[in-house]
C-alpha atoms as a PDB file:
ATOM      1  CA  UNK A   1     -16.775 -10.582 -36.699  1.00  0.00           C
ATOM      2  CA  UNK A   2     -16.149  -6.846 -36.451  1.00  0.00           C
ATOM      3  CA  UNK A   3     -14.071  -7.381 -33.300  1.00  0.00           C
ATOM      4  CA  UNK A   4     -11.998 -10.070 -35.038  1.00  0.00           C
ATOM      5  CA  UNK A   5     -11.412  -7.787 -38.032  1.00  0.00           C
ATOM      6  CA  UNK A   6     -10.403  -4.964 -35.698  1.00  0.00           C
ATOM      7  CA  UNK A   7      -7.888  -7.227 -33.914  1.00  0.00           C
ATOM      8  CA  UNK A   8      -6.439  -8.332 -37.260  1.00  0.00           C
ATOM      9  CA  UNK A   9      -6.171  -4.694 -38.347  1.00  0.00           C
ATOM     10  CA  UNK A  10      -4.381  -3.776 -35.105  1.00  0.00           C
ATOM     11  CA  UNK A  11      -1.929  -6.636 -35.637  1.00  0.00           C
ATOM     12  CA  UNK A  12      -1.197  -5.465 -39.190  1.00  0.00           C
ATOM     13  CA  UNK A  13      -0.734  -1.884 -37.975  1.00  0.00           C
ATOM     14  CA  UNK A  14       1.602  -3.144 -35.245  1.00  0.00           C
ATOM     15  CA  UNK A  15       3.713  -5.095 -37.741  1.00  0.00           C
ATOM     16  CA  UNK A  16       3.882  -2.142 -40.138  1.00  0.00           C
ATOM     17  CA  UNK A  17       4.831   0.195 -37.281  1.00  0.00           C
ATOM     18  CA  UNK A  18       7.559  -2.217 -36.182  1.00  0.00           C
ATOM     19  CA  UNK A  19       8.926  -2.412 -39.752  1.00  0.00           C
ATOM     20  CA  UNK A  20       8.830   1.395 -40.019  1.00  0.00           C
ATOM     21  CA  UNK A  21      10.783   1.756 -36.767  1.00  0.00           C
ATOM     22  CA  UNK A  22      13.226  -0.944 -37.887  1.00  0.00           C
ATOM     23  CA  UNK A  23      13.811   0.852 -41.189  1.00  0.00           C
ATOM     24  CA  UNK A  24      14.694   4.067 -39.353  1.00  0.00           C
ATOM     25  CA  UNK A  25      17.209   2.436 -37.023  1.00  0.00           C
ATOM     26  CA  UNK A  26      20.855   3.115 -37.691  1.00  0.00           C
ATOM     27  CA  UNK A  27      22.082  -0.488 -37.576  1.00  0.00           C
ATOM     28  CA  UNK A  28      25.744   0.503 -37.430  1.00  0.00           C
ATOM     29  CA  UNK A  29      25.077   2.744 -34.415  1.00  0.00           C
ATOM     30  CA  UNK A  30      23.008  -0.033 -32.850  1.00  0.00           C
ATOM     31  CA  UNK A  31      25.840  -2.539 -33.268  1.00  0.00           C
ATOM     32  CA  UNK A  32      28.303  -0.007 -31.876  1.00  0.00           C
ATOM     33  CA  UNK A  33      26.105   0.520 -28.807  1.00  0.00           C
ATOM     34  CA  UNK A  34      25.777  -3.236 -28.338  1.00  0.00           C
ATOM     35  CA  UNK A  35      29.550  -3.637 -28.569  1.00  0.00           C
ATOM     36  CA  UNK A  36      30.026  -1.000 -25.857  1.00  0.00           C
ATOM     37  CA  UNK A  37      27.416  -2.498 -23.520  1.00  0.00           C
ATOM     38  CA  UNK A  38      28.583  -3.515 -20.064  1.00  0.00           C
ATOM     39  CA  UNK A  39      28.486  -7.290 -20.098  1.00  0.00           C
ATOM     40  CA  UNK A  40      28.244  -7.688 -16.322  1.00  0.00           C
ATOM     41  CA  UNK A  41      25.064  -5.584 -16.206  1.00  0.00           C
ATOM     42  CA  UNK A  42      23.541  -7.514 -19.101  1.00  0.00           C
ATOM     43  CA  UNK A  43      24.245 -10.775 -17.269  1.00  0.00           C
ATOM     44  CA  UNK A  44      22.683  -9.299 -14.134  1.00  0.00           C
ATOM     45  CA  UNK A  45      19.616  -8.320 -16.183  1.00  0.00           C
ATOM     46  CA  UNK A  46      19.253 -11.889 -17.466  1.00  0.00           C
ATOM     47  CA  UNK A  47      19.412 -13.218 -13.904  1.00  0.00           C
ATOM     48  CA  UNK A  48      16.796 -10.667 -12.809  1.00  0.00           C
ATOM     49  CA  UNK A  49      14.411 -11.800 -15.563  1.00  0.00           C
ATOM     50  CA  UNK A  50      14.476 -15.299 -14.093  1.00  0.00           C
ATOM     51  CA  UNK A  51      14.010 -13.775 -10.635  1.00  0.00           C
ATOM     52  CA  UNK A  52      10.764 -12.071 -11.743  1.00  0.00           C
ATOM     53  CA  UNK A  53       9.497 -15.355 -13.188  1.00  0.00           C
ATOM     54  CA  UNK A  54      10.441 -17.124  -9.961  1.00  0.00           C
ATOM     55  CA  UNK A  55       8.544 -14.615  -7.813  1.00  0.00           C
ATOM     56  CA  UNK A  56       5.430 -14.769  -9.994  1.00  0.00           C
ATOM     57  CA  UNK A  57       5.520 -18.564  -9.956  1.00  0.00           C
ATOM     58  CA  UNK A  58       5.926 -18.460  -6.170  1.00  0.00           C
ATOM     59  CA  UNK A  59       2.898 -16.166  -5.871  1.00  0.00           C
ATOM     60  CA  UNK A  60       0.875 -18.553  -8.037  1.00  0.00           C
ATOM     61  CA  UNK A  61       2.100 -21.492  -5.939  1.00  0.00           C
ATOM     62  CA  UNK A  62       1.097 -19.681  -2.726  1.00  0.00           C
ATOM     63  CA  UNK A  63      -2.391 -19.044  -4.074  1.00  0.00           C
ATOM     64  CA  UNK A  64      -3.108 -22.561  -5.316  1.00  0.00           C
ATOM     65  CA  UNK A  65      -1.715 -24.174  -2.165  1.00  0.00           C
ATOM     66  CA  UNK A  66      -3.994 -21.941  -0.102  1.00  0.00           C
ATOM     67  CA  UNK A  67      -6.922 -23.323  -2.111  1.00  0.00           C
ATOM     68  CA  UNK A  68      -5.948 -26.914  -1.387  1.00  0.00           C
ATOM     69  CA  UNK A  69      -3.710 -27.869  -4.305  1.00  0.00           C
ATOM     70  CA  UNK A  70      -1.026 -30.448  -3.531  1.00  0.00           C
ATOM     71  CA  UNK A  71       1.267 -29.420  -6.386  1.00  0.00           C
ATOM     72  CA  UNK A  72       4.948 -29.017  -5.660  1.00  0.00           C
ATOM     73  CA  UNK A  73       6.712 -25.760  -6.477  1.00  0.00           C
ATOM     74  CA  UNK A  74       8.414 -27.498  -9.427  1.00  0.00           C
ATOM     75  CA  UNK A  75       4.979 -28.291 -10.857  1.00  0.00           C
ATOM     76  CA  UNK A  76       3.765 -24.744 -10.207  1.00  0.00           C
ATOM     77  CA  UNK A  77       6.881 -23.395 -11.928  1.00  0.00           C
ATOM     78  CA  UNK A  78       6.258 -25.530 -15.016  1.00  0.00           C
ATOM     79  CA  UNK A  79       2.568 -24.610 -15.166  1.00  0.00           C
ATOM     80  CA  UNK A  80       3.347 -20.912 -14.708  1.00  0.00           C
ATOM     81  CA  UNK A  81       5.811 -21.005 -17.627  1.00  0.00           C
ATOM     82  CA  UNK A  82       3.227 -22.767 -19.801  1.00  0.00           C
ATOM     83  CA  UNK A  83       0.692 -20.066 -18.943  1.00  0.00           C
ATOM     84  CA  UNK A  84       3.281 -17.382 -19.670  1.00  0.00           C
ATOM     85  CA  UNK A  85       4.017 -18.879 -23.092  1.00  0.00           C
ATOM     86  CA  UNK A  86       0.361 -19.232 -24.078  1.00  0.00           C
ATOM     87  CA  UNK A  87      -0.309 -15.741 -22.748  1.00  0.00           C
ATOM     88  CA  UNK A  88       2.361 -14.270 -25.003  1.00  0.00           C
ATOM     89  CA  UNK A  89       0.905 -15.808 -28.170  1.00  0.00           C
ATOM     90  CA  UNK A  90      -2.777 -15.027 -27.529  1.00  0.00           C
ATOM     91  CA  UNK A  91      -4.668 -11.698 -27.629  1.00  0.00           C
ATOM     92  CA  UNK A  92      -5.107 -10.110 -24.231  1.00  0.00           C
ATOM     93  CA  UNK A  93      -2.958 -12.883 -22.726  1.00  0.00           C
ATOM     94  CA  UNK A  94      -6.026 -15.126 -22.627  1.00  0.00           C
ATOM     95  CA  UNK A  95      -3.729 -18.134 -22.931  1.00  0.00           C
ATOM     96  CA  UNK A  96      -2.919 -17.744 -19.237  1.00  0.00           C
ATOM     97  CA  UNK A  97      -6.255 -19.413 -18.532  1.00  0.00           C
ATOM     98  CA  UNK A  98      -4.643 -22.611 -19.818  1.00  0.00           C
ATOM     99  CA  UNK A  99      -3.277 -23.017 -16.286  1.00  0.00           C
ATOM    100  CA  UNK A 100      -6.796 -23.826 -15.124  1.00  0.00           C
ATOM    101  CA  UNK A 101      -6.687 -27.261 -16.777  1.00  0.00           C
ATOM    102  CA  UNK A 102      -3.869 -28.317 -14.434  1.00  0.00           C
ATOM    103  CA  UNK A 103      -5.870 -27.410 -11.319  1.00  0.00           C
ATOM    104  CA  UNK A 104      -8.833 -29.710 -11.902  1.00  0.00           C
ATOM    105  CA  UNK A 105      -6.819 -32.760 -10.857  1.00  0.00           C
ATOM    106  CA  UNK A 106      -6.433 -31.103  -7.428  1.00  0.00           C
ATOM    107  CA  UNK A 107     -10.164 -30.639  -7.010  1.00  0.00           C
ATOM    108  CA  UNK A 108     -10.174 -26.967  -8.034  1.00  0.00           C
ATOM    109  CA  UNK A 109     -13.051 -26.452 -10.475  1.00  0.00           C
ATOM    110  CA  UNK A 110     -12.749 -24.582 -13.755  1.00  0.00           C
ATOM    111  CA  UNK A 111     -14.820 -21.738 -12.278  1.00  0.00           C
ATOM    112  CA  UNK A 112     -12.528 -21.352  -9.274  1.00  0.00           C
ATOM    113  CA  UNK A 113      -9.440 -21.790 -11.439  1.00  0.00           C
ATOM    114  CA  UNK A 114     -10.523 -18.950 -13.727  1.00  0.00           C
ATOM    115  CA  UNK A 115     -11.201 -16.778 -10.677  1.00  0.00           C
ATOM    116  CA  UNK A 116      -7.705 -17.580  -9.424  1.00  0.00           C
ATOM    117  CA  UNK A 117      -6.105 -16.547 -12.733  1.00  0.00           C
ATOM    118  CA  UNK A 118      -8.083 -13.289 -12.642  1.00  0.00           C
ATOM    119  CA  UNK A 119      -7.077 -12.585  -9.029  1.00  0.00           C
ATOM    120  CA  UNK A 120      -3.446 -13.297  -9.908  1.00  0.00           C
ATOM    121  CA  UNK A 121      -3.730 -10.747 -12.703  1.00  0.00           C
ATOM    122  CA  UNK A 122      -5.571  -8.228 -10.518  1.00  0.00           C
ATOM    123  CA  UNK A 123      -2.690  -8.282  -8.018  1.00  0.00           C
ATOM    124  CA  UNK A 124      -0.394  -6.956 -10.756  1.00  0.00           C
ATOM    125  CA  UNK A 125      -2.962  -4.499 -12.113  1.00  0.00           C
ATOM    126  CA  UNK A 126      -3.612  -2.870  -8.728  1.00  0.00           C
ATOM    127  CA  UNK A 127       0.087  -2.598  -7.904  1.00  0.00           C
ATOM    128  CA  UNK A 128       1.129  -1.189 -11.281  1.00  0.00           C
ATOM    129  CA  UNK A 129      -1.845   1.221 -11.243  1.00  0.00           C
ATOM    130  CA  UNK A 130      -0.698   2.716  -7.935  1.00  0.00           C
ATOM    131  CA  UNK A 131       2.877   2.921  -9.222  1.00  0.00           C
ATOM    132  CA  UNK A 132       1.623   4.410 -12.502  1.00  0.00           C
ATOM    133  CA  UNK A 133      -0.206   7.210 -10.683  1.00  0.00           C
ATOM    134  CA  UNK A 134       2.992   7.995  -8.778  1.00  0.00           C
ATOM    135  CA  UNK A 135       5.007   7.845 -12.027  1.00  0.00           C
ATOM    136  CA  UNK A 136       2.714  10.368 -13.731  1.00  0.00           C
ATOM    137  CA  UNK A 137       3.121  12.703 -10.769  1.00  0.00           C
ATOM    138  CA  UNK A 138       6.888  12.379 -10.885  1.00  0.00           C
ATOM    139  CA  UNK A 139       7.122  13.011 -14.628  1.00  0.00           C
ATOM    140  CA  UNK A 140       4.306  15.484 -15.306  1.00  0.00           C
ATOM    141  CA  UNK A 141       3.376  17.040 -11.975  1.00  0.00           C
ATOM    142  CA  UNK A 142       1.567  15.882  -8.864  1.00  0.00           C
ATOM    143  CA  UNK A 143      -1.649  17.632  -9.867  1.00  0.00           C
ATOM    144  CA  UNK A 144      -1.999  15.086 -12.678  1.00  0.00           C
ATOM    145  CA  UNK A 145      -1.258  12.333 -10.203  1.00  0.00           C
ATOM    146  CA  UNK A 146      -4.113  13.545  -7.975  1.00  0.00           C
ATOM    147  CA  UNK A 147      -6.513  13.722 -10.927  1.00  0.00           C
ATOM    148  CA  UNK A 148      -5.588  10.214 -12.043  1.00  0.00           C
ATOM    149  CA  UNK A 149      -5.849   8.904  -8.494  1.00  0.00           C
ATOM    150  CA  UNK A 150      -9.363  10.310  -8.075  1.00  0.00           C
ATOM    151  CA  UNK A 151     -10.382   8.967 -11.500  1.00  0.00           C
ATOM    152  CA  UNK A 152      -8.934   5.529 -10.734  1.00  0.00           C
ATOM    153  CA  UNK A 153     -10.696   5.328  -7.367  1.00  0.00           C
ATOM    154  CA  UNK A 154     -13.978   6.410  -8.976  1.00  0.00           C
ATOM    155  CA  UNK A 155     -13.702   3.813 -11.744  1.00  0.00           C
ATOM    156  CA  UNK A 156     -12.701   1.110  -9.254  1.00  0.00           C
ATOM    157  CA  UNK A 157     -15.676   1.998  -7.056  1.00  0.00           C
ATOM    158  CA  UNK A 158     -18.130   1.890  -9.961  1.00  0.00           C
ATOM    159  CA  UNK A 159     -16.740  -1.436 -11.189  1.00  0.00           C
ATOM    160  CA  UNK A 160     -16.956  -2.876  -7.679  1.00  0.00           C
ATOM    161  CA  UNK A 161     -20.603  -1.831  -7.402  1.00  0.00           C
ATOM    162  CA  UNK A 162     -21.508  -3.173 -10.842  1.00  0.00           C
ATOM    163  CA  UNK A 163     -19.651  -6.468 -10.481  1.00  0.00           C
ATOM    164  CA  UNK A 164     -20.738  -6.858  -6.865  1.00  0.00           C
ATOM    165  CA  UNK A 165     -24.396  -6.890  -7.910  1.00  0.00           C
ATOM    166  CA  UNK A 166     -23.859 -10.168  -9.743  1.00  0.00           C
ATOM    167  CA  UNK A 167     -25.123 -13.087  -7.662  1.00  0.00           C
ATOM    168  CA  UNK A 168     -22.596 -15.302  -9.450  1.00  0.00           C
ATOM    169  CA  UNK A 169     -19.679 -13.104  -8.373  1.00  0.00           C
ATOM    170  CA  UNK A 170     -20.960 -12.814  -4.797  1.00  0.00           C
ATOM    171  CA  UNK A 171     -21.386 -16.572  -4.554  1.00  0.00           C
ATOM    172  CA  UNK A 172     -17.944 -17.144  -6.088  1.00  0.00           C
ATOM    173  CA  UNK A 173     -16.105 -14.886  -3.646  1.00  0.00           C
ATOM    174  CA  UNK A 174     -17.964 -16.389  -0.710  1.00  0.00           C
ATOM    175  CA  UNK A 175     -16.692 -19.816  -1.701  1.00  0.00           C
ATOM    176  CA  UNK A 176     -14.642 -21.330   1.099  1.00  0.00           C
ATOM    177  CA  UNK A 177     -11.648 -21.974  -1.183  1.00  0.00           C
ATOM    178  CA  UNK A 178     -11.542 -18.317  -2.248  1.00  0.00           C
ATOM    179  CA  UNK A 179     -11.889 -17.307   1.402  1.00  0.00           C
ATOM    180  CA  UNK A 180      -8.813 -19.449   2.129  1.00  0.00           C
ATOM    181  CA  UNK A 181      -6.749 -16.856   0.238  1.00  0.00           C
ATOM    182  CA  UNK A 182      -7.414 -14.137   2.826  1.00  0.00           C
ATOM    183  CA  UNK A 183      -4.856 -15.349   5.428  1.00  0.00           C
ATOM    184  CA  UNK A 184      -2.239 -15.333   2.656  1.00  0.00           C
ATOM    185  CA  UNK A 185      -3.055 -11.827   1.385  1.00  0.00           C
ATOM    186  CA  UNK A 186       0.068 -10.361   3.027  1.00  0.00           C
ATOM    187  CA  UNK A 187       2.341 -12.886   1.314  1.00  0.00           C
ATOM    188  CA  UNK A 188       0.631 -12.325  -2.045  1.00  0.00           C
ATOM    189  CA  UNK A 189       0.966  -8.529  -1.797  1.00  0.00           C
ATOM    190  CA  UNK A 190       4.573  -8.832  -0.591  1.00  0.00           C
ATOM    191  CA  UNK A 191       5.555 -11.108  -3.481  1.00  0.00           C
ATOM    192  CA  UNK A 192       3.854  -8.757  -5.939  1.00  0.00           C
ATOM    193  CA  UNK A 193       5.744  -5.720  -4.620  1.00  0.00           C
ATOM    194  CA  UNK A 194       9.021  -7.639  -4.549  1.00  0.00           C
ATOM    195  CA  UNK A 195       8.439  -8.729  -8.136  1.00  0.00           C
ATOM    196  CA  UNK A 196       8.042  -5.123  -9.282  1.00  0.00           C
ATOM    197  CA  UNK A 197      11.153  -4.079  -7.365  1.00  0.00           C
ATOM    198  CA  UNK A 198      13.102  -6.780  -9.198  1.00  0.00           C
ATOM    199  CA  UNK A 199      11.547  -5.580 -12.469  1.00  0.00           C
ATOM    200  CA  UNK A 200      12.850  -2.057 -11.822  1.00  0.00           C
ATOM    201  CA  UNK A 201      16.300  -3.434 -11.027  1.00  0.00           C
ATOM    202  CA  UNK A 202      16.187  -5.322 -14.335  1.00  0.00           C
ATOM    203  CA  UNK A 203      15.207  -2.170 -16.235  1.00  0.00           C
ATOM    204  CA  UNK A 204      17.876  -0.141 -14.436  1.00  0.00           C
ATOM    205  CA  UNK A 205      20.525  -2.768 -15.296  1.00  0.00           C
ATOM    206  CA  UNK A 206      19.537  -2.703 -18.977  1.00  0.00           C
ATOM    207  CA  UNK A 207      19.621   1.100 -19.082  1.00  0.00           C
ATOM    208  CA  UNK A 208      22.982   1.375 -17.338  1.00  0.00           C
ATOM    209  CA  UNK A 209      24.465  -1.410 -19.489  1.00  0.00           C
ATOM    210  CA  UNK A 210      23.925   0.711 -22.616  1.00  0.00           C
ATOM    211  CA  UNK A 211      25.047   3.900 -20.842  1.00  0.00           C
ATOM    212  CA  UNK A 212      21.661   5.562 -20.329  1.00  0.00           C
ATOM    213  CA  UNK A 213      22.443   7.849 -17.403  1.00  0.00           C
ATOM    214  CA  UNK A 214      19.003   9.122 -16.380  1.00  0.00           C
ATOM    215  CA  UNK A 215      18.388   9.590 -12.636  1.00  0.00           C
ATOM    216  CA  UNK A 216      16.902   6.517 -10.985  1.00  0.00           C
ATOM    217  CA  UNK A 217      13.422   7.834 -10.111  1.00  0.00           C
ATOM    218  CA  UNK A 218      12.520   9.332 -13.545  1.00  0.00           C
ATOM    219  CA  UNK A 219      13.908   6.197 -15.193  1.00  0.00           C
ATOM    220  CA  UNK A 220      11.787   3.983 -12.938  1.00  0.00           C
ATOM    221  CA  UNK A 221       8.736   6.141 -13.701  1.00  0.00           C
ATOM    222  CA  UNK A 222       9.291   5.724 -17.450  1.00  0.00           C
ATOM    223  CA  UNK A 223       9.523   1.968 -17.067  1.00  0.00           C
ATOM    224  CA  UNK A 224       6.321   1.912 -14.983  1.00  0.00           C
ATOM    225  CA  UNK A 225       4.410   3.568 -17.822  1.00  0.00           C
ATOM    226  CA  UNK A 226       6.053   1.199 -20.317  1.00  0.00           C
ATOM    227  CA  UNK A 227       4.991  -1.772 -18.190  1.00  0.00           C
ATOM    228  CA  UNK A 228       1.403  -0.477 -18.113  1.00  0.00           C
ATOM    229  CA  UNK A 229       1.363  -0.236 -21.917  1.00  0.00           C
ATOM    230  CA  UNK A 230       2.744  -3.773 -22.212  1.00  0.00           C
ATOM    231  CA  UNK A 231      -0.102  -5.106 -20.025  1.00  0.00           C
ATOM    232  CA  UNK A 232      -2.786  -3.751 -22.349  1.00  0.00           C
ATOM    233  CA  UNK A 233      -4.456  -6.321 -24.646  1.00  0.00           C
END
């Protein structure tokens, strides 16, 4: 009950903060900026959004096919978009677990399906964490990057030890269908990195379209930290 009340309070605070920001926006200046935006870069940004969705759907498709699913890419695309939608409207993006229901018909159990959703999410978390550490170093100094890197490795090690002690987790990751993902690890990592590259191109296109002329690397670092904040529940 307390957790539910806290979530409701956070939502109310978020709405009030949004309204406060909206009230302080100079709408005439905003419209003027929009009118001066470079249309070709905005169109490129729209195309890049679809490219990120395509790459994430392709990663999901690669993972489920490795586990024995017979779904076509068109089906994987549709299921990914459904998961994306439900993730956007649920706290902590828990709605993404709705994709699990579509895997049972391919003989992938609910337990394995949930593990697959978590692994799909972990691929993004690990990648953006590494990029975030580099971004902090670029913006605030490499000493902070080293401190964060050591802290992140320590936390990851502790979590691995704690989670690894669970017989359920050990049994799950020894499952032959989970093991089938290992030969495809290179493709999964490659698609994840490519997705983030496309994300940076999207952010760069948006910034340049409204005449934000920051150097590329600091701009990319800012967007990395923004992406990390957007991934928080």
